[in-house]
Amino acid sequence: MHATERENLILEATQPSGFVRYRDLEARLKASPATIRRDLTRLEERGLLKRVHGGAKLTNAPAPLADTILSLSGTPFDLSVTQNLVAKQAIGRIAATLCEPGEGIMIDGGTTTLQMCPHLAGLECQVLTNSLHIVNALLAQAGTRVLVPSGTIFREQNIILAPSGEDSMPRYHAPKLFMGAAAVGPQGVMQQDVILVAAERRLIDRAEQVILLVDSSKFQASSGAIVCGLDEVDIIVTDSGLDKDKWIWIEENGPKLMIAQ
């Protein structure tokens, strides 16, 4: 395959989320890692994309049309927050123990990540989050500093998001990112909306460690947009309802597993 053909296929592969994983490019192009790296270098030098942790992203993805209805696929927050609440509370309590006093962390919007907030009181962390629910939960903690990105507020989820090609995050790097998911399967971590995928990729790119908070019901066969593979996740925190076969499967795929009782 000619280099120009490969470059066109790489750019096509970034649609619609604005991001493509290296492993997906290897399967799509049937080329060596060295060849793909050279292709990505040429595209990056021309300003068409940027290489990031785990793959590459577009530098100028198109913004949504002004008259587009701003809504996200998936279960509305107010309904999701009541589902498996006891398990989510246990997961949030365990996840908070991974935070160091005074540490800078990122918390992605979600009903499980929200449950971390009460347990951060007194740690005096600096928190970057795109969730207004998490902002509200942390504002009562005098010692917790809160940062938010710029973007559009999606009311059903109370989350701040920007187009996939727009870098709306503050200049921020953190040791840990805590994020949720719509589903987790052999393909990796999934969300139901490509806008969420683009936003979560921007957070992943700024984190040294990715910590996934998901209750055991999320480990099921599902379709959706892939955020990342399990090889990009460092720790999974879930509840004791996780099936033994899935427990073994996770351990075989690399992430450290923490079970909240």
C-alpha atoms as a PDB file:
ATOM      1  CA  MET A   1       0.000   0.000   0.000  1.00  0.00           C
ATOM      2  CA  HIS A   2       1.328   3.445  -0.941  1.00  0.00           C
ATOM      3  CA  ALA A   3       2.098   5.946   1.836  1.00  0.00           C
ATOM      4  CA  THR A   4      -0.608   8.335   0.600  1.00  0.00           C
ATOM      5  CA  GLU A   5      -3.216   5.571   0.801  1.00  0.00           C
ATOM      6  CA  ARG A   6      -2.138   4.734   4.353  1.00  0.00           C
ATOM      7  CA  GLU A   7      -2.290   8.393   5.386  1.00  0.00           C
ATOM      8  CA  ASN A   8      -5.838   8.714   4.003  1.00  0.00           C
ATOM      9  CA  LEU A   9      -6.882   5.575   5.876  1.00  0.00           C
ATOM     10  CA  ILE A  10      -5.357   6.933   9.095  1.00  0.00           C
ATOM     11  CA  LEU A  11      -7.339  10.159   8.783  1.00  0.00           C
ATOM     12  CA  GLU A  12     -10.516   8.199   8.012  1.00  0.00           C
ATOM     13  CA  ALA A  13      -9.926   6.031  11.085  1.00  0.00           C
ATOM     14  CA  THR A  14     -10.027   9.070  13.372  1.00  0.00           C
ATOM     15  CA  GLN A  15     -13.678   9.640  12.475  1.00  0.00           C
ATOM     16  CA  PRO A  16     -16.060  10.276  14.128  1.00  0.00           C
ATOM     17  CA  SER A  17     -14.449  10.622  17.576  1.00  0.00           C
ATOM     18  CA  GLY A  18     -11.306  12.464  16.472  1.00  0.00           C
ATOM     19  CA  PHE A  19      -9.035   9.742  17.932  1.00  0.00           C
ATOM     20  CA  VAL A  20      -7.619   6.409  16.759  1.00  0.00           C
ATOM     21  CA  ARG A  21      -5.625   3.809  18.721  1.00  0.00           C
ATOM     22  CA  TYR A  22      -2.274   2.459  17.494  1.00  0.00           C
ATOM     23  CA  ARG A  23      -3.522  -1.142  17.715  1.00  0.00           C
ATOM     24  CA  ASP A  24      -6.515  -0.257  15.490  1.00  0.00           C
ATOM     25  CA  LEU A  25      -4.177   1.292  12.908  1.00  0.00           C
ATOM     26  CA  GLU A  26      -2.014  -1.838  12.857  1.00  0.00           C
ATOM     27  CA  ALA A  27      -5.082  -3.983  12.145  1.00  0.00           C
ATOM     28  CA  ARG A  28      -6.492  -1.553   9.574  1.00  0.00           C
ATOM     29  CA  LEU A  29      -3.297  -0.853   7.640  1.00  0.00           C
ATOM     30  CA  LYS A  30      -1.602  -4.256   7.994  1.00  0.00           C
ATOM     31  CA  ALA A  31       1.693  -2.374   8.219  1.00  0.00           C
ATOM     32  CA  SER A  32       4.602  -2.602  10.631  1.00  0.00           C
ATOM     33  CA  PRO A  33       4.705  -0.357  13.728  1.00  0.00           C
ATOM     34  CA  ALA A  34       7.737   1.421  12.267  1.00  0.00           C
ATOM     35  CA  THR A  35       5.864   2.216   9.033  1.00  0.00           C
ATOM     36  CA  ILE A  36       2.861   3.504  10.957  1.00  0.00           C
ATOM     37  CA  ARG A  37       5.088   5.705  13.117  1.00  0.00           C
ATOM     38  CA  ARG A  38       6.612   7.242   9.987  1.00  0.00           C
ATOM     39  CA  ASP A  39       3.133   7.853   8.528  1.00  0.00           C
ATOM     40  CA  LEU A  40       2.003   9.517  11.755  1.00  0.00           C
ATOM     41  CA  THR A  41       5.145  11.659  11.849  1.00  0.00           C
ATOM     42  CA  ARG A  42       4.441  12.983   8.338  1.00  0.00           C
ATOM     43  CA  LEU A  43       0.812  13.738   9.213  1.00  0.00           C
ATOM     44  CA  GLU A  44       1.881  15.446  12.430  1.00  0.00           C
ATOM     45  CA  GLU A  45       4.476  17.552  10.598  1.00  0.00           C
ATOM     46  CA  ARG A  46       1.721  18.698   8.217  1.00  0.00           C
ATOM     47  CA  GLY A  47      -0.443  19.676  11.210  1.00  0.00           C
ATOM     48  CA  LEU A  48      -3.211  17.183  10.436  1.00  0.00           C
ATOM     49  CA  LEU A  49      -2.997  15.179  13.645  1.00  0.00           C
ATOM     50  CA  LYS A  50      -1.074  14.857  16.894  1.00  0.00           C
ATOM     51  CA  ARG A  51       0.411  11.713  18.407  1.00  0.00           C
ATOM     52  CA  VAL A  52      -0.819  11.143  21.970  1.00  0.00           C
ATOM     53  CA  HIS A  53      -0.704   8.373  24.566  1.00  0.00           C
ATOM     54  CA  GLY A  54      -2.150   5.225  22.983  1.00  0.00           C
ATOM     55  CA  GLY A  55      -2.772   6.643  19.512  1.00  0.00           C
ATOM     56  CA  ALA A  56      -3.291   9.843  17.548  1.00  0.00           C
ATOM     57  CA  LYS A  57      -5.921  12.570  17.449  1.00  0.00           C
ATOM     58  CA  LEU A  58      -7.033  15.144  14.905  1.00  0.00           C
ATOM     59  CA  THR A  59      -5.762  18.668  15.428  1.00  0.00           C
ATOM     60  CA  ASN A  60      -8.699  20.348  13.683  1.00  0.00           C
ATOM     61  CA  ALA A  61     -11.801  18.195  13.993  1.00  0.00           C
ATOM     62  CA  PRO A  62     -14.941  19.991  12.795  1.00  0.00           C
ATOM     63  CA  ALA A  63     -17.079  21.686  15.447  1.00  0.00           C
ATOM     64  CA  PRO A  64     -20.773  20.755  15.660  1.00  0.00           C
ATOM     65  CA  LEU A  65     -23.291  22.849  13.782  1.00  0.00           C
ATOM     66  CA  ALA A  66     -24.831  25.709  15.736  1.00  0.00           C
ATOM     67  CA  ASP A  67     -28.368  24.344  15.344  1.00  0.00           C
ATOM     68  CA  THR A  68     -27.491  20.839  16.507  1.00  0.00           C
ATOM     69  CA  ILE A  69     -29.486  19.700  19.538  1.00  0.00           C
ATOM     70  CA  LEU A  70     -27.015  19.304  22.374  1.00  0.00           C
ATOM     71  CA  SER A  71     -27.743  15.972  23.964  1.00  0.00           C
ATOM     72  CA  LEU A  72     -25.823  12.805  24.686  1.00  0.00           C
ATOM     73  CA  SER A  73     -26.663   9.175  24.055  1.00  0.00           C
ATOM     74  CA  GLY A  74     -27.177   6.985  27.091  1.00  0.00           C
ATOM     75  CA  THR A  75     -29.097   7.054  30.360  1.00  0.00           C
ATOM     76  CA  PRO A  76     -29.793  10.537  31.822  1.00  0.00           C
ATOM     77  CA  PHE A  77     -27.794  11.299  34.964  1.00  0.00           C
ATOM     78  CA  ASP A  78     -30.825  11.661  37.252  1.00  0.00           C
ATOM     79  CA  LEU A  79     -31.921   8.111  36.376  1.00  0.00           C
ATOM     80  CA  SER A  80     -28.468   6.536  36.347  1.00  0.00           C
ATOM     81  CA  VAL A  81     -27.466   7.956  39.749  1.00  0.00           C
ATOM     82  CA  THR A  82     -30.031   5.748  41.515  1.00  0.00           C
ATOM     83  CA  GLN A  83     -28.978   2.521  39.777  1.00  0.00           C
ATOM     84  CA  ASN A  84     -26.692   0.206  41.806  1.00  0.00           C
ATOM     85  CA  LEU A  85     -26.202   3.058  44.280  1.00  0.00           C
ATOM     86  CA  VAL A  86     -24.864   0.953  47.181  1.00  0.00           C
ATOM     87  CA  ALA A  87     -22.194  -0.578  44.946  1.00  0.00           C
ATOM     88  CA  LYS A  88     -21.246   2.829  43.544  1.00  0.00           C
ATOM     89  CA  GLN A  89     -20.902   4.278  47.044  1.00  0.00           C
ATOM     90  CA  ALA A  90     -18.563   1.440  48.049  1.00  0.00           C
ATOM     91  CA  ILE A  91     -16.500   1.941  44.886  1.00  0.00           C
ATOM     92  CA  GLY A  92     -16.236   5.685  45.500  1.00  0.00           C
ATOM     93  CA  ARG A  93     -15.084   5.138  49.078  1.00  0.00           C
ATOM     94  CA  ILE A  94     -12.295   2.759  47.983  1.00  0.00           C
ATOM     95  CA  ALA A  95     -11.256   4.996  45.079  1.00  0.00           C
ATOM     96  CA  ALA A  96     -10.772   7.974  47.385  1.00  0.00           C
ATOM     97  CA  THR A  97      -8.207   5.999  49.403  1.00  0.00           C
ATOM     98  CA  LEU A  98      -5.960   6.104  46.326  1.00  0.00           C
ATOM     99  CA  CYS A  99      -5.651   9.894  46.598  1.00  0.00           C
ATOM    100  CA  GLU A 100      -2.736  11.502  48.459  1.00  0.00           C
ATOM    101  CA  PRO A 101      -3.144  14.670  50.582  1.00  0.00           C
ATOM    102  CA  GLY A 102      -2.606  17.778  48.477  1.00  0.00           C
ATOM    103  CA  GLU A 103      -2.517  15.793  45.238  1.00  0.00           C
ATOM    104  CA  GLY A 104      -3.787  17.086  41.903  1.00  0.00           C
ATOM    105  CA  ILE A 105      -6.297  14.657  40.367  1.00  0.00           C
ATOM    106  CA  MET A 106      -8.821  14.525  37.542  1.00  0.00           C
ATOM    107  CA  ILE A 107     -12.342  13.144  37.980  1.00  0.00           C
ATOM    108  CA  ASP A 108     -14.419  12.497  34.872  1.00  0.00           C
ATOM    109  CA  GLY A 109     -18.148  13.099  35.117  1.00  0.00           C
ATOM    110  CA  GLY A 110     -20.261  10.090  36.098  1.00  0.00           C
ATOM    111  CA  THR A 111     -22.550   8.668  38.742  1.00  0.00           C
ATOM    112  CA  THR A 112     -19.862   6.374  40.156  1.00  0.00           C
ATOM    113  CA  THR A 113     -17.038   8.928  40.194  1.00  0.00           C
ATOM    114  CA  LEU A 114     -19.433  11.304  41.992  1.00  0.00           C
ATOM    115  CA  GLN A 115     -19.415   8.935  44.968  1.00  0.00           C
ATOM    116  CA  MET A 116     -15.723   9.702  45.596  1.00  0.00           C
ATOM    117  CA  CYS A 117     -16.472  13.299  46.556  1.00  0.00           C
ATOM    118  CA  PRO A 118     -17.556  12.959  50.219  1.00  0.00           C
ATOM    119  CA  HIS A 119     -14.377  11.009  50.964  1.00  0.00           C
ATOM    120  CA  LEU A 120     -12.049  13.703  49.575  1.00  0.00           C
ATOM    121  CA  ALA A 121     -12.880  16.127  52.404  1.00  0.00           C
ATOM    122  CA  GLY A 122      -9.778  17.041  54.366  1.00  0.00           C
ATOM    123  CA  LEU A 123      -7.299  15.854  51.734  1.00  0.00           C
ATOM    124  CA  GLU A 124      -6.989  19.368  50.228  1.00  0.00           C
ATOM    125  CA  CYS A 125      -6.685  18.005  46.706  1.00  0.00           C
ATOM    126  CA  GLN A 126      -6.823  20.048  43.513  1.00  0.00           C
ATOM    127  CA  VAL A 127      -9.481  18.517  41.266  1.00  0.00           C
ATOM    128  CA  LEU A 128     -10.017  19.041  37.546  1.00  0.00           C
ATOM    129  CA  THR A 129     -13.498  17.852  36.558  1.00  0.00           C
ATOM    130  CA  ASN A 130     -15.938  18.348  33.700  1.00  0.00           C
ATOM    131  CA  SER A 131     -18.958  17.497  35.877  1.00  0.00           C
ATOM    132  CA  LEU A 132     -21.114  20.186  37.495  1.00  0.00           C
ATOM    133  CA  HIS A 133     -22.476  17.552  39.898  1.00  0.00           C
ATOM    134  CA  ILE A 134     -18.926  16.900  41.113  1.00  0.00           C
ATOM    135  CA  VAL A 135     -18.216  20.651  41.303  1.00  0.00           C
ATOM    136  CA  ASN A 136     -21.282  21.120  43.521  1.00  0.00           C
ATOM    137  CA  ALA A 137     -20.266  18.190  45.733  1.00  0.00           C
ATOM    138  CA  LEU A 138     -16.745  19.578  46.220  1.00  0.00           C
ATOM    139  CA  LEU A 139     -17.600  23.250  46.759  1.00  0.00           C
ATOM    140  CA  ALA A 140     -18.608  22.559  50.355  1.00  0.00           C
ATOM    141  CA  GLN A 141     -15.058  21.329  51.079  1.00  0.00           C
ATOM    142  CA  ALA A 142     -13.102  24.443  51.995  1.00  0.00           C
ATOM    143  CA  GLY A 143      -9.705  22.870  51.335  1.00  0.00           C
ATOM    144  CA  THR A 144     -10.543  21.311  47.944  1.00  0.00           C
ATOM    145  CA  ARG A 145      -9.600  23.408  44.906  1.00  0.00           C
ATOM    146  CA  VAL A 146     -11.699  22.875  41.791  1.00  0.00           C
ATOM    147  CA  LEU A 147     -10.853  23.469  38.115  1.00  0.00           C
ATOM    148  CA  VAL A 148     -13.230  23.098  35.152  1.00  0.00           C
ATOM    149  CA  PRO A 149     -12.609  23.101  31.383  1.00  0.00           C
ATOM    150  CA  SER A 150     -14.338  25.403  28.918  1.00  0.00           C
ATOM    151  CA  GLY A 151     -17.056  24.063  26.622  1.00  0.00           C
ATOM    152  CA  THR A 152     -20.792  23.553  26.320  1.00  0.00           C
ATOM    153  CA  ILE A 153     -22.971  22.318  29.180  1.00  0.00           C
ATOM    154  CA  PHE A 154     -25.007  19.225  28.329  1.00  0.00           C
ATOM    155  CA  ARG A 155     -27.939  19.551  30.698  1.00  0.00           C
ATOM    156  CA  GLU A 156     -29.082  15.915  30.926  1.00  0.00           C
ATOM    157  CA  GLN A 157     -25.658  14.871  32.243  1.00  0.00           C
ATOM    158  CA  ASN A 158     -24.666  18.248  33.757  1.00  0.00           C
ATOM    159  CA  ILE A 159     -21.308  17.859  32.073  1.00  0.00           C
ATOM    160  CA  ILE A 160     -19.048  20.319  30.241  1.00  0.00           C
ATOM    161  CA  LEU A 161     -17.833  19.098  26.847  1.00  0.00           C
ATOM    162  CA  ALA A 162     -16.147  20.607  23.800  1.00  0.00           C
ATOM    163  CA  PRO A 163     -15.832  19.458  20.150  1.00  0.00           C
ATOM    164  CA  SER A 164     -13.319  16.670  19.587  1.00  0.00           C
ATOM    165  CA  GLY A 165     -10.766  18.890  17.860  1.00  0.00           C
ATOM    166  CA  GLU A 166     -10.902  21.665  20.426  1.00  0.00           C
ATOM    167  CA  ASP A 167      -8.397  21.670  23.273  1.00  0.00           C
ATOM    168  CA  SER A 168     -10.548  23.189  26.012  1.00  0.00           C
ATOM    169  CA  MET A 169      -8.644  21.850  29.014  1.00  0.00           C
ATOM    170  CA  PRO A 170      -6.450  24.024  31.236  1.00  0.00           C
ATOM    171  CA  ARG A 171      -2.709  23.372  31.032  1.00  0.00           C
ATOM    172  CA  TYR A 172      -2.941  20.571  33.560  1.00  0.00           C
ATOM    173  CA  HIS A 173      -1.237  17.251  34.213  1.00  0.00           C
ATOM    174  CA  ALA A 174      -2.199  14.903  37.041  1.00  0.00           C
ATOM    175  CA  PRO A 175      -0.884  11.685  38.567  1.00  0.00           C
ATOM    176  CA  LYS A 176      -4.354  10.111  38.514  1.00  0.00           C
ATOM    177  CA  LEU A 177      -7.508  10.179  36.407  1.00  0.00           C
ATOM    178  CA  PHE A 178     -10.677   8.635  37.839  1.00  0.00           C
ATOM    179  CA  MET A 179     -13.205   7.802  35.126  1.00  0.00           C
ATOM    180  CA  GLY A 180     -16.327   5.746  34.587  1.00  0.00           C
ATOM    181  CA  ALA A 181     -17.702   3.875  31.572  1.00  0.00           C
ATOM    182  CA  ALA A 182     -20.942   2.744  29.978  1.00  0.00           C
ATOM    183  CA  ALA A 183     -19.532  -0.763  29.532  1.00  0.00           C
ATOM    184  CA  VAL A 184     -16.316  -2.767  29.765  1.00  0.00           C
ATOM    185  CA  GLY A 185     -15.609  -5.708  27.474  1.00  0.00           C
ATOM    186  CA  PRO A 186     -12.916  -7.454  25.445  1.00  0.00           C
ATOM    187  CA  GLN A 187     -12.768  -4.435  23.126  1.00  0.00           C
ATOM    188  CA  GLY A 188     -11.952  -2.153  26.050  1.00  0.00           C
ATOM    189  CA  VAL A 189     -13.667   0.706  27.854  1.00  0.00           C
ATOM    190  CA  MET A 190     -16.761   1.973  26.054  1.00  0.00           C
ATOM    191  CA  GLN A 191     -19.079   4.974  26.100  1.00  0.00           C
ATOM    192  CA  GLN A 192     -22.357   5.464  24.285  1.00  0.00           C
ATOM    193  CA  ASP A 193     -21.478   8.802  22.695  1.00  0.00           C
ATOM    194  CA  VAL A 194     -18.439   9.787  20.606  1.00  0.00           C
ATOM    195  CA  ILE A 195     -18.400  13.248  22.208  1.00  0.00           C
ATOM    196  CA  LEU A 196     -17.722  11.582  25.559  1.00  0.00           C
ATOM    197  CA  VAL A 197     -14.948   9.527  23.969  1.00  0.00           C
ATOM    198  CA  ALA A 198     -13.169  12.648  22.709  1.00  0.00           C
ATOM    199  CA  ALA A 199     -13.473  14.338  26.113  1.00  0.00           C
ATOM    200  CA  GLU A 200     -12.165  11.302  27.989  1.00  0.00           C
ATOM    201  CA  ARG A 201      -9.243  10.912  25.600  1.00  0.00           C
ATOM    202  CA  ARG A 202      -8.166  14.471  26.445  1.00  0.00           C
ATOM    203  CA  LEU A 203      -8.185  13.530  30.129  1.00  0.00           C
ATOM    204  CA  ILE A 204      -6.282  10.284  29.525  1.00  0.00           C
ATOM    205  CA  ASP A 205      -3.598  12.216  27.647  1.00  0.00           C
ATOM    206  CA  ARG A 206      -2.991  14.330  30.769  1.00  0.00           C
ATOM    207  CA  ALA A 207      -2.818  11.497  33.307  1.00  0.00           C
ATOM    208  CA  GLU A 208      -0.007   9.270  34.497  1.00  0.00           C
ATOM    209  CA  GLN A 209      -2.425   6.672  35.862  1.00  0.00           C
ATOM    210  CA  VAL A 210      -5.949   5.787  34.649  1.00  0.00           C
ATOM    211  CA  ILE A 211      -8.290   4.413  37.323  1.00  0.00           C
ATOM    212  CA  LEU A 212     -11.615   3.025  36.110  1.00  0.00           C
ATOM    213  CA  LEU A 213     -14.604   3.071  38.496  1.00  0.00           C
ATOM    214  CA  VAL A 214     -17.392   0.760  37.311  1.00  0.00           C
ATOM    215  CA  ASP A 215     -19.969  -1.342  39.117  1.00  0.00           C
ATOM    216  CA  SER A 216     -20.128  -5.036  38.204  1.00  0.00           C
ATOM    217  CA  SER A 217     -23.190  -4.593  35.947  1.00  0.00           C
ATOM    218  CA  LYS A 218     -21.000  -2.752  33.407  1.00  0.00           C
ATOM    219  CA  PHE A 219     -19.052  -5.931  32.557  1.00  0.00           C
ATOM    220  CA  GLN A 220     -21.299  -7.210  29.812  1.00  0.00           C
ATOM    221  CA  ALA A 221     -21.495  -7.634  26.045  1.00  0.00           C
ATOM    222  CA  SER A 222     -22.267  -4.202  24.673  1.00  0.00           C
ATOM    223  CA  SER A 223     -21.827  -1.989  21.643  1.00  0.00           C
ATOM    224  CA  GLY A 224     -20.497   1.538  21.824  1.00  0.00           C
ATOM    225  CA  ALA A 225     -17.622   3.854  21.038  1.00  0.00           C
ATOM    226  CA  ILE A 226     -14.291   2.624  22.398  1.00  0.00           C
ATOM    227  CA  VAL A 227     -12.497   5.041  24.721  1.00  0.00           C
ATOM    228  CA  CYS A 228      -9.390   2.940  25.297  1.00  0.00           C
ATOM    229  CA  GLY A 229      -8.166  -0.612  25.594  1.00  0.00           C
ATOM    230  CA  LEU A 230      -7.657  -2.306  28.939  1.00  0.00           C
ATOM    231  CA  ASP A 231      -3.920  -1.969  28.344  1.00  0.00           C
ATOM    232  CA  GLU A 232      -4.310   1.780  28.991  1.00  0.00           C
ATOM    233  CA  VAL A 233      -6.097   1.232  32.321  1.00  0.00           C
ATOM    234  CA  ASP A 234      -3.930   0.865  35.431  1.00  0.00           C
ATOM    235  CA  ILE A 235      -6.558   0.044  38.077  1.00  0.00           C
ATOM    236  CA  ILE A 236     -10.186  -1.101  37.933  1.00  0.00           C
ATOM    237  CA  VAL A 237     -12.300  -0.535  41.051  1.00  0.00           C
ATOM    238  CA  THR A 238     -15.558  -2.486  41.075  1.00  0.00           C
ATOM    239  CA  ASP A 239     -17.883  -4.239  43.539  1.00  0.00           C
ATOM    240  CA  SER A 240     -18.116  -7.761  44.905  1.00  0.00           C
ATOM    241  CA  GLY A 241     -20.864  -8.687  42.446  1.00  0.00           C
ATOM    242  CA  LEU A 242     -18.263  -9.234  39.733  1.00  0.00           C
ATOM    243  CA  ASP A 243     -18.430 -12.763  38.278  1.00  0.00           C
ATOM    244  CA  LYS A 244     -15.402 -14.941  38.910  1.00  0.00           C
ATOM    245  CA  ASP A 245     -14.796 -15.514  35.174  1.00  0.00           C
ATOM    246  CA  LYS A 246     -14.726 -11.772  34.549  1.00  0.00           C
ATOM    247  CA  TRP A 247     -12.413 -11.355  37.534  1.00  0.00           C
ATOM    248  CA  ILE A 248      -9.954 -13.797  35.943  1.00  0.00           C
ATOM    249  CA  TRP A 249     -10.366 -12.133  32.534  1.00  0.00           C
ATOM    250  CA  ILE A 250      -9.485  -8.713  33.949  1.00  0.00           C
ATOM    251  CA  GLU A 251      -6.420 -10.012  35.756  1.00  0.00           C
ATOM    252  CA  GLU A 252      -5.235 -11.697  32.563  1.00  0.00           C
ATOM    253  CA  ASN A 253      -5.570  -8.427  30.641  1.00  0.00           C
ATOM    254  CA  GLY A 254      -3.306  -6.401  32.906  1.00  0.00           C
ATOM    255  CA  PRO A 255      -5.139  -3.832  35.092  1.00  0.00           C
ATOM    256  CA  LYS A 256      -4.892  -4.187  38.856  1.00  0.00           C
ATOM    257  CA  LEU A 257      -8.291  -5.128  40.272  1.00  0.00           C
ATOM    258  CA  MET A 258      -9.711  -3.651  43.506  1.00  0.00           C
ATOM    259  CA  ILE A 259     -12.992  -5.036  44.909  1.00  0.00           C
ATOM    260  CA  ALA A 260     -15.130  -2.759  47.083  1.00  0.00           C
ATOM    261  CA  GLN A 261     -17.070  -4.674  49.718  1.00  0.00           C
END
